[in-house]
């Protein structure tokens, strides 16, 4: 009989690591977005910085690019997520998707990322990514997923700063 407190656990697989990172990103995004309404989501920093609405839409847009590689469908129509693509101009109130809708899309995208990773064969992680989003000619699914998870955490942290900018208390202590 083994003591459950001292029993060794098997190391996490890479897909489990990516699932864990996606879960952490979800926590960061949800916590930093809590209580932000549509009007507040459109407050942007000076010099053309992006508002919380654009950042959250960008996070959904990023997952929507990954989902097909994991055997999952994107959550938002292409015409909506295109507005939140990297390098796009700051969003205007007229173009902005309602923040609650973006939060719902984020939740669905996270669920699909988790499901796709749960069923993803580890042997495929070394496959090349056609048309690497980062321009890396040696990009594999593994390096791409690693970059995406870091990207999601980076922008999740921006939501914490934007939360303060709109006058809300910090959410993660």
Foldseek 3Di string as FASTA:
>chain_A
DDDVVPDDDDDDALLVVLLVLLVVLLVLQCLLCPPQFQVLQQDADPDQGEGNQLLLLLLLLLLQVVLVVLVHHRQDDPVLSVCSHPPHGHDDSVNGDGPVVSNVSSVVSSVSSNVSSVPDDSVQQCQADPPQPVPDPNHGNSVSSVVSSVVSNVSSVVSQVSCVVSPHDGRDD
